Each structure stands twice: as structure tokens, then as C-alpha cells.
């Protein structure tokens, strides 16, 4: 038997049509289907319970589908105002974080110093601290500075809590932008800030959209911080308003909770669609630098 025939048989044994490969693919598909069903079950419960007048914690097809749950939760006090508060808080926190992370990441990316690595690791350590561990001193600080029940102060705190991770992400994205593009702008007389705004930031729009969505989602789903720092119901976001569906002694309005959850997810889905359709893929730097 020649070496060529042995290699050809081994290749045939590892072909796609081999029984071993078919069995591996079958079990891989089974595992993926099981994982998909695990993730689809909660989504199915939310959709079905939202149109069920007698919804429970179990996934069941509604006997009498109705939209009464949506009518009950679509009120200015329960849904519309909290969603607007969440939108303002999340957008403000994300915008402040993106601006601060760009301004902080630029010198870290372009200026080489022995203090860069210790500073970045210190920032990474700060991002590991749980928010519950610092809420007592933060609450005391807000009381002393009379910032309790001030939405703009809560937005700034949410931006500060998300800044460490956003700084790491922005710095890594900015490292991929060629410095030669800025050097060309400097030759034309542009300042460092002008080069940052006119050259670096436009090339980083897909990356900055990722950072914006990351911070927006963190602020949108944050329950603990607004619950502690915003005392007036008129300023509380939807993440806190959803707590009203959990009554005393373990009672839960499942139908209204599911309907409210669907309405609560619409702005996030809309943001995803805007970002993906408006900005598309990742960096498009090919051809920007001529070799």
C-alpha cells in the first residue's frame, strides 16, 4: 500500500459524508436546539402572557387572547413617563461616557508613557467593584451635596460607573486607527484636537456606537441606583416602575408584567436597529493609508 493511497483513505475517513462526522454534526445540532429552546422559553412566556387575561408563571397558550394587559399598563404614570425618564437617563449617561472616554483614550493611545499601563490597570480594577459596595458613600455624598432626586446627577453617576470599561474599549478601538492619518492633518496645520475630531472620531463611529449601546444598556437596566437616588415617582425610570407589578405576599400581576416588559424592550430594539442599519459593520480603514 502506497503512502498516497493511505493519505487518500484518511482524507475520505474525515470527509463530510463520513458516519463519524455525521454523528458529530447531529449531536452538535441537538445541543444547539436545546440551548435555543432554553432561551426561547422565557421569550415565549413574555409574548403569551402579555395577551392572556389569566396569565400565570407557566408557559401556556391563552384561552381567550386579549389586549387588556397593554391597555392597563399604557398610562402616563405607569409606562409613558417612566420610559421617557429611562430614555433621558440612559441617553445622557451614554453620551457623557462616550465623550469622556474619547478624550481620555486619545492621550493613552497616542502618548507613550510608563504610567499608561498602571493607570489602565487601576481603571480596570475600578470597574471590578460592584455598584452595591459603593452606594452607601455615594448616597451620603448625594445627601451632603443636595443631589438627591436630581436626574442629571444620577445620569452623571451612571456615566462615571460605566466609564472604566468604556475607556478600555475606546482605547483598544483607537489603537487601530493609523497615526499617519493624523500626521497628514498636522502637516496641513490642524491641532491635535482638530485631528481627533476631524480624522479619528469619524473613523471610529462604528466603535463609538458599540460603546454607546454598551453604556445605554447598562443604564437602561439599572434598578438599584435610580431606586436609591431618585425618591420622587415622577423621576423614576421604567426599571424602577416595573417593581410596582410585584405586590405583597408574593402576588405578581403576570399579564401586566409581561405586557410592560414588551413595551420596556421596544426602545432597546429600536436602538439596535438604528445602529446596525445606520453604521453597518466594523472599521473600514482599508485604502485609508497608501503603502
Foldseek 3Di string as FASTA:
>chain_A
DDPVVVVVVVVVCVDCPHPVNVVVVVVVVVVVVVVVCVVVLVVQLLVQLQQAPDRDPHRDHHPHGHNVLVVVQPDCLQAVLQAVLLVVLLQLLLVVLLVVLLVVLVCLQPPDDPCSVVVLVVLVVLLPDDPVVCVVVVLVVCVVVVNFQPSNVLSPVLNVSLNSVLNVLNNVLQNPQDCVQLVVVVVVPDDPVRCCVPPRCVQCVLSSLVSSLVSSVVSLQDAPSCVSRRDDSSNHHNNPSLVVQQDPPRDGPRNNSSSSVVVSCVVSVVSVVCSCVVPNDHGDCPPVDDD
